[in-house]
Amino acid sequence: MQGSQLTVFAATTGPRKHHQTTVGWILDEARQAGIQGATVVEVSECVDVHGKYHAARFVELADQPVAITLAGESARVDALLDRLRQGNVPLFYTRCAVEYEVLGSGVP
């Protein structure tokens, strides 16, 4: 199948949206947009769009940067991006065209 791969970068996991962490909120919005899977990668360090340095520290895990990657139909990725824009949470993303397929037994 043809679609889009979206990677959303959040400089911290601390800010909350609707009583969820930023990651939880993004994953919930992806599910509501009809995107079935996502991978969350915790990053040790990053510099955000304002040039501020963020790093995972033992005492301050709320500053843990993350990258969330997902793939799906382009229309569903469009819907997710619209939802994220309305959330007014500072995020950076990249998007590219991809070919994807679900493999294995028990695939719907």
C-alpha atoms as a PDB file:
ATOM      1  CA  MET A   1       0.000   0.000   0.000  1.00  0.00           C
ATOM      2  CA  GLN A   2       1.058   3.573  -0.552  1.00  0.00           C
ATOM      3  CA  GLY A   3       0.806   6.140   2.195  1.00  0.00           C
ATOM      4  CA  SER A   4       2.731   8.454   4.471  1.00  0.00           C
ATOM      5  CA  GLN A   5       5.215   7.968   7.269  1.00  0.00           C
ATOM      6  CA  LEU A   6       5.001  10.582   9.975  1.00  0.00           C
ATOM      7  CA  THR A   7       7.563  11.131  12.708  1.00  0.00           C
ATOM      8  CA  VAL A   8       6.548  13.528  15.469  1.00  0.00           C
ATOM      9  CA  PHE A   9       9.273  14.888  17.721  1.00  0.00           C
ATOM     10  CA  ALA A  10       8.352  16.053  21.213  1.00  0.00           C
ATOM     11  CA  ALA A  11      11.124  17.747  23.160  1.00  0.00           C
ATOM     12  CA  THR A  12       9.589  16.684  26.476  1.00  0.00           C
ATOM     13  CA  THR A  13       7.059  14.141  27.690  1.00  0.00           C
ATOM     14  CA  GLY A  14       6.026  16.368  30.573  1.00  0.00           C
ATOM     15  CA  PRO A  15       3.387  18.754  29.185  1.00  0.00           C
ATOM     16  CA  ARG A  16      -0.092  17.350  29.499  1.00  0.00           C
ATOM     17  CA  LYS A  17      -3.069  17.521  27.181  1.00  0.00           C
ATOM     18  CA  HIS A  18      -6.481  16.357  28.432  1.00  0.00           C
ATOM     19  CA  HIS A  19      -4.883  14.755  31.539  1.00  0.00           C
ATOM     20  CA  GLN A  20      -2.468  12.686  29.412  1.00  0.00           C
ATOM     21  CA  THR A  21       1.235  12.933  28.734  1.00  0.00           C
ATOM     22  CA  THR A  22       2.096  14.426  25.363  1.00  0.00           C
ATOM     23  CA  VAL A  23       2.971  10.934  24.099  1.00  0.00           C
ATOM     24  CA  GLY A  24      -0.292   9.438  25.359  1.00  0.00           C
ATOM     25  CA  TRP A  25      -2.252  12.260  23.740  1.00  0.00           C
ATOM     26  CA  ILE A  26      -0.481  11.832  20.374  1.00  0.00           C
ATOM     27  CA  LEU A  27      -1.044   8.058  20.432  1.00  0.00           C
ATOM     28  CA  ASP A  28      -4.712   8.554  21.313  1.00  0.00           C
ATOM     29  CA  GLU A  29      -5.136  11.072  18.488  1.00  0.00           C
ATOM     30  CA  ALA A  30      -3.452   8.630  16.066  1.00  0.00           C
ATOM     31  CA  ARG A  31      -5.841   5.862  17.110  1.00  0.00           C
ATOM     32  CA  GLN A  32      -8.835   8.177  16.680  1.00  0.00           C
ATOM     33  CA  ALA A  33      -7.556   9.107  13.199  1.00  0.00           C
ATOM     34  CA  GLY A  34      -7.602   5.398  12.306  1.00  0.00           C
ATOM     35  CA  ILE A  35      -3.872   4.772  12.397  1.00  0.00           C
ATOM     36  CA  GLN A  36      -3.295   1.318  13.831  1.00  0.00           C
ATOM     37  CA  GLY A  37       0.306   1.364  15.028  1.00  0.00           C
ATOM     38  CA  ALA A  38       3.041   3.671  16.195  1.00  0.00           C
ATOM     39  CA  THR A  39       6.526   3.326  17.621  1.00  0.00           C
ATOM     40  CA  VAL A  40       7.729   5.566  20.435  1.00  0.00           C
ATOM     41  CA  VAL A  41      11.491   5.980  20.755  1.00  0.00           C
ATOM     42  CA  GLU A  42      12.887   7.697  23.824  1.00  0.00           C
ATOM     43  CA  VAL A  43      15.780   9.952  22.881  1.00  0.00           C
ATOM     44  CA  SER A  44      18.579  10.803  25.277  1.00  0.00           C
ATOM     45  CA  GLU A  45      19.143  14.402  24.103  1.00  0.00           C
ATOM     46  CA  CYS A  46      17.726  16.959  21.672  1.00  0.00           C
ATOM     47  CA  VAL A  47      17.603  20.652  20.856  1.00  0.00           C
ATOM     48  CA  ASP A  48      14.090  21.979  20.270  1.00  0.00           C
ATOM     49  CA  VAL A  49      12.932  24.479  17.652  1.00  0.00           C
ATOM     50  CA  HIS A  50      13.766  27.344  20.032  1.00  0.00           C
ATOM     51  CA  GLY A  51      17.340  26.126  20.518  1.00  0.00           C
ATOM     52  CA  LYS A  52      16.668  24.865  24.059  1.00  0.00           C
ATOM     53  CA  TYR A  53      18.603  21.757  25.113  1.00  0.00           C
ATOM     54  CA  HIS A  54      16.621  18.801  26.543  1.00  0.00           C
ATOM     55  CA  ALA A  55      18.069  15.633  28.045  1.00  0.00           C
ATOM     56  CA  ALA A  56      16.802  12.601  29.919  1.00  0.00           C
ATOM     57  CA  ARG A  57      18.082  12.721  33.464  1.00  0.00           C
ATOM     58  CA  PHE A  58      17.451  10.301  36.279  1.00  0.00           C
ATOM     59  CA  VAL A  59      15.824  12.979  38.423  1.00  0.00           C
ATOM     60  CA  GLU A  60      13.954  14.767  35.645  1.00  0.00           C
ATOM     61  CA  LEU A  61      12.393  12.221  33.266  1.00  0.00           C
ATOM     62  CA  ALA A  62       9.676  14.726  32.316  1.00  0.00           C
ATOM     63  CA  ASP A  63      12.290  16.317  30.055  1.00  0.00           C
ATOM     64  CA  GLN A  64      12.727  13.014  28.148  1.00  0.00           C
ATOM     65  CA  PRO A  65      12.657  13.785  24.391  1.00  0.00           C
ATOM     66  CA  VAL A  66      10.726  11.311  22.211  1.00  0.00           C
ATOM     67  CA  ALA A  67      10.180  10.501  18.545  1.00  0.00           C
ATOM     68  CA  ILE A  68       6.890   8.867  17.554  1.00  0.00           C
ATOM     69  CA  THR A  69       6.858   7.209  14.119  1.00  0.00           C
ATOM     70  CA  LEU A  70       3.774   5.875  12.383  1.00  0.00           C
ATOM     71  CA  ALA A  71       2.632   4.989   8.878  1.00  0.00           C
ATOM     72  CA  GLY A  72      -0.776   4.856   7.262  1.00  0.00           C
ATOM     73  CA  GLU A  73      -3.020   6.043   4.489  1.00  0.00           C
ATOM     74  CA  SER A  74      -2.187   9.631   3.590  1.00  0.00           C
ATOM     75  CA  ALA A  75      -5.744  10.775   4.328  1.00  0.00           C
ATOM     76  CA  ARG A  76      -5.508   9.357   7.867  1.00  0.00           C
ATOM     77  CA  VAL A  77      -2.133  11.042   8.406  1.00  0.00           C
ATOM     78  CA  ASP A  78      -3.714  14.305   7.180  1.00  0.00           C
ATOM     79  CA  ALA A  79      -6.515  13.826   9.722  1.00  0.00           C
ATOM     80  CA  LEU A  80      -3.991  13.203  12.498  1.00  0.00           C
ATOM     81  CA  LEU A  81      -2.006  16.312  11.610  1.00  0.00           C
ATOM     82  CA  ASP A  82      -5.209  18.383  11.705  1.00  0.00           C
ATOM     83  CA  ARG A  83      -5.973  17.021  15.184  1.00  0.00           C
ATOM     84  CA  LEU A  84      -2.440  17.724  16.419  1.00  0.00           C
ATOM     85  CA  ARG A  85      -2.558  21.277  15.063  1.00  0.00           C
ATOM     86  CA  GLN A  86      -5.770  21.927  16.996  1.00  0.00           C
ATOM     87  CA  GLY A  87      -4.119  20.675  20.190  1.00  0.00           C
ATOM     88  CA  ASN A  88      -1.822  23.698  20.395  1.00  0.00           C
ATOM     89  CA  VAL A  89       1.077  21.580  21.717  1.00  0.00           C
ATOM     90  CA  PRO A  90       4.546  22.537  20.389  1.00  0.00           C
ATOM     91  CA  LEU A  91       5.650  19.683  18.127  1.00  0.00           C
ATOM     92  CA  PHE A  92       7.960  19.232  15.147  1.00  0.00           C
ATOM     93  CA  TYR A  93       7.324  16.577  12.498  1.00  0.00           C
ATOM     94  CA  THR A  94       8.665  15.105   9.301  1.00  0.00           C
ATOM     95  CA  ARG A  95       6.559  13.344   6.683  1.00  0.00           C
ATOM     96  CA  CYS A  96       7.465  11.278   3.656  1.00  0.00           C
ATOM     97  CA  ALA A  97       5.758   9.010   1.143  1.00  0.00           C
ATOM     98  CA  VAL A  98       6.165   5.293   1.880  1.00  0.00           C
ATOM     99  CA  GLU A  99       5.103   1.882   0.728  1.00  0.00           C
ATOM    100  CA  TYR A 100       3.903  -0.299   3.592  1.00  0.00           C
ATOM    101  CA  GLU A 101       2.282  -3.636   4.285  1.00  0.00           C
ATOM    102  CA  VAL A 102       1.250  -5.661   7.328  1.00  0.00           C
ATOM    103  CA  LEU A 103       2.845  -9.112   7.408  1.00  0.00           C
ATOM    104  CA  GLY A 104       2.114 -12.242   9.404  1.00  0.00           C
ATOM    105  CA  SER A 105      -0.747 -14.531  10.282  1.00  0.00           C
ATOM    106  CA  GLY A 106      -3.962 -13.160  11.702  1.00  0.00           C
ATOM    107  CA  VAL A 107      -3.650  -9.930   9.722  1.00  0.00           C
ATOM    108  CA  PRO A 108      -7.120  -8.415   9.065  1.00  0.00           C
END
